[in-house]
Amino acid sequence: MKGLRPSCFLLKAGSLLLDCPHMAHAQDERLYTQWVELLGWLEAEASARGLGFEKVADFPDYIYRMERPYDLPTTVMSVALTVGGQPLLLAAVSPRHVDLKGISLRLMGGSKHWHLHAGERGLLEGQRPFTRERLAVLLNGALRGVAAV
């Protein structure tokens, strides 16, 4: 098991358990780095379609950091793409204290939502890579729905 340190293994009741905080940290780092990339895609796709791009919330540990250093690559925890001042799509990433972190995309006014997680080379929607092209398809569909109403 490459990359694992001796401290990643615990012996409990005669069984060897894998408990590696180093791997969890690497996975978190990957998720937040990919979140920043997704924020860039969202902003660019919103601009290309004449949609608004608005920050909804910052991370709680940024808001309440006091004098502690802040080490995530962004302060933004959630954003909304808006049309006519109304939210169309909400994107949010899990805060640092959550165990099973991920990114959610939710269409407002409907039941459609997507759960993304960090992969080795980018965001994944289940086992399928979530690309900027996939985001564009989702946004085009959402805008067709808005136009039909």
Protein backbone atom coordinates (compact mmCIF):
# COMPACT_ATOMS: atom_id res chain seq x y z
CA MET A 1 0.00 0.00 0.00
CA LYS A 2 2.02 2.85 -1.38
CA GLY A 3 1.99 6.20 0.38
CA LEU A 4 0.77 4.87 3.70
CA ARG A 5 2.76 5.59 6.81
CA PRO A 6 3.09 3.21 9.79
CA SER A 7 0.85 5.60 11.74
CA CYS A 8 -1.96 4.78 9.29
CA PHE A 9 -2.48 1.34 10.78
CA LEU A 10 -4.10 0.43 14.07
CA LEU A 11 -4.11 -2.97 15.77
CA LYS A 12 -7.45 -3.46 17.47
CA ALA A 13 -8.74 -6.75 18.89
CA GLY A 14 -6.27 -8.72 16.77
CA SER A 15 -7.30 -7.01 13.53
CA LEU A 16 -5.27 -4.58 11.49
CA LEU A 17 -7.32 -1.50 10.65
CA LEU A 18 -6.57 1.23 8.17
CA ASP A 19 -7.02 4.66 9.75
CA CYS A 20 -4.97 7.17 7.85
CA PRO A 21 -5.54 10.85 8.55
CA HIS A 22 -2.92 11.65 5.89
CA MET A 23 -5.10 10.08 3.18
CA ALA A 24 -8.20 11.90 4.43
CA HIS A 25 -6.31 15.19 4.33
CA ALA A 26 -5.16 14.51 0.77
CA GLN A 27 -8.74 13.70 -0.28
CA ASP A 28 -10.00 16.92 1.36
CA GLU A 29 -7.29 18.94 -0.34
CA ARG A 30 -8.25 17.40 -3.68
CA LEU A 31 -11.95 18.19 -3.12
CA TYR A 32 -11.37 21.84 -2.22
CA THR A 33 -8.96 22.32 -5.14
CA GLN A 34 -11.53 20.83 -7.51
CA TRP A 35 -14.22 23.05 -5.91
CA VAL A 36 -12.18 26.12 -6.86
CA GLU A 37 -11.96 24.81 -10.43
CA LEU A 38 -15.74 24.27 -10.48
CA LEU A 39 -16.27 27.83 -9.21
CA GLY A 40 -14.27 29.06 -12.21
CA TRP A 41 -16.39 26.97 -14.58
CA LEU A 42 -19.61 28.22 -12.99
CA GLU A 43 -18.53 31.84 -13.27
CA ALA A 44 -17.44 31.46 -16.90
CA GLU A 45 -20.58 29.55 -17.92
CA ALA A 46 -22.78 32.12 -16.16
CA SER A 47 -21.02 34.96 -17.94
CA ALA A 48 -21.36 33.23 -21.33
CA ARG A 49 -25.13 32.85 -20.81
CA GLY A 50 -25.85 36.24 -19.26
CA LEU A 51 -26.59 34.70 -15.86
CA GLY A 52 -25.71 36.19 -12.50
CA PHE A 53 -23.00 34.57 -10.36
CA GLU A 54 -23.44 35.31 -6.66
CA LYS A 55 -21.72 34.12 -3.51
CA VAL A 56 -24.26 32.68 -1.08
CA ALA A 57 -22.07 31.75 1.90
CA ASP A 58 -18.53 31.57 3.20
CA PHE A 59 -17.10 28.64 5.16
CA PRO A 60 -18.00 28.81 8.88
CA ASP A 61 -14.37 28.31 9.89
CA TYR A 62 -13.45 31.34 7.78
CA ILE A 63 -16.17 33.46 9.34
CA TYR A 64 -15.24 32.44 12.90
CA ARG A 65 -11.47 32.10 12.45
CA MET A 66 -10.59 34.98 14.81
CA GLU A 67 -6.80 35.30 14.55
CA ARG A 68 -6.17 31.75 13.33
CA PRO A 69 -4.65 31.27 9.88
CA TYR A 70 -7.06 30.16 7.16
CA ASP A 71 -5.72 27.44 4.87
CA LEU A 72 -8.45 26.47 2.39
CA PRO A 73 -7.95 27.68 -1.21
CA THR A 74 -11.14 29.79 -1.10
CA THR A 75 -13.50 31.31 1.44
CA VAL A 76 -16.58 30.58 -0.72
CA MET A 77 -18.69 27.60 0.39
CA SER A 78 -21.72 28.13 -1.85
CA VAL A 79 -22.73 30.11 -4.92
CA ALA A 80 -25.87 30.63 -6.97
CA LEU A 81 -26.32 31.15 -10.67
CA THR A 82 -29.26 33.49 -11.15
CA VAL A 83 -31.59 34.47 -13.96
CA GLY A 84 -33.58 37.66 -13.60
CA GLY A 85 -32.39 38.00 -10.01
CA GLN A 86 -33.82 34.60 -9.03
CA PRO A 87 -31.61 31.58 -8.23
CA LEU A 88 -31.44 28.95 -10.96
CA LEU A 89 -28.69 26.66 -9.69
CA LEU A 90 -27.10 26.42 -6.26
CA ALA A 91 -23.64 24.87 -5.87
CA ALA A 92 -22.19 24.09 -2.45
CA VAL A 93 -19.26 22.17 -1.01
CA SER A 94 -19.21 20.49 2.39
CA PRO A 95 -17.53 22.39 5.21
CA ARG A 96 -14.31 21.02 6.64
CA HIS A 97 -15.89 19.42 9.75
CA VAL A 98 -18.09 17.03 7.72
CA ASP A 99 -16.82 13.44 7.45
CA LEU A 100 -18.17 12.48 4.01
CA LYS A 101 -17.46 15.59 2.00
CA GLY A 102 -18.78 16.36 -1.44
CA ILE A 103 -20.21 19.00 -3.73
CA SER A 104 -23.91 19.38 -4.44
CA LEU A 105 -25.54 21.07 -7.41
CA ARG A 106 -29.27 21.81 -7.07
CA LEU A 107 -31.71 23.24 -9.56
CA MET A 108 -34.09 25.57 -7.79
CA GLY A 109 -37.81 24.95 -8.18
CA GLY A 110 -37.33 21.29 -9.03
CA SER A 111 -36.08 18.01 -7.69
CA LYS A 112 -32.98 17.68 -9.88
CA HIS A 113 -29.70 17.58 -8.02
CA TRP A 114 -26.23 16.15 -8.49
CA HIS A 115 -23.72 14.89 -5.94
CA LEU A 116 -20.06 15.18 -6.90
CA HIS A 117 -16.96 13.93 -5.15
CA ALA A 118 -13.23 14.29 -5.65
CA GLY A 119 -11.52 11.91 -8.01
CA GLU A 120 -7.85 11.40 -8.78
CA ARG A 121 -8.04 13.63 -11.88
CA GLY A 122 -11.13 15.72 -11.29
CA LEU A 123 -14.65 15.74 -9.98
CA LEU A 124 -16.75 12.62 -10.33
CA GLU A 125 -20.50 12.20 -10.68
CA GLY A 126 -20.66 8.63 -9.40
CA GLN A 127 -17.98 6.92 -11.50
CA ARG A 128 -18.34 9.32 -14.44
CA PRO A 129 -16.02 12.34 -14.72
CA PHE A 130 -17.87 15.62 -14.21
CA THR A 131 -16.49 18.02 -16.80
CA ARG A 132 -17.12 21.59 -17.83
CA GLU A 133 -18.92 20.20 -20.86
CA ARG A 134 -21.26 18.24 -18.56
CA LEU A 135 -21.93 21.43 -16.57
CA ALA A 136 -22.78 23.24 -19.83
CA VAL A 137 -25.28 20.50 -20.73
CA LEU A 138 -26.95 20.83 -17.31
CA LEU A 139 -27.16 24.60 -17.59
CA ASN A 140 -28.53 24.47 -21.14
CA GLY A 141 -31.25 22.08 -19.96
CA ALA A 142 -32.09 24.32 -17.00
CA LEU A 143 -32.36 27.37 -19.25
CA ARG A 144 -34.61 25.48 -21.69
CA GLY A 145 -36.84 24.68 -18.72
CA VAL A 146 -36.94 28.34 -17.65
CA ALA A 147 -37.78 29.43 -21.21
CA ALA A 148 -40.65 26.92 -21.37
CA VAL A 149 -42.35 28.35 -18.28
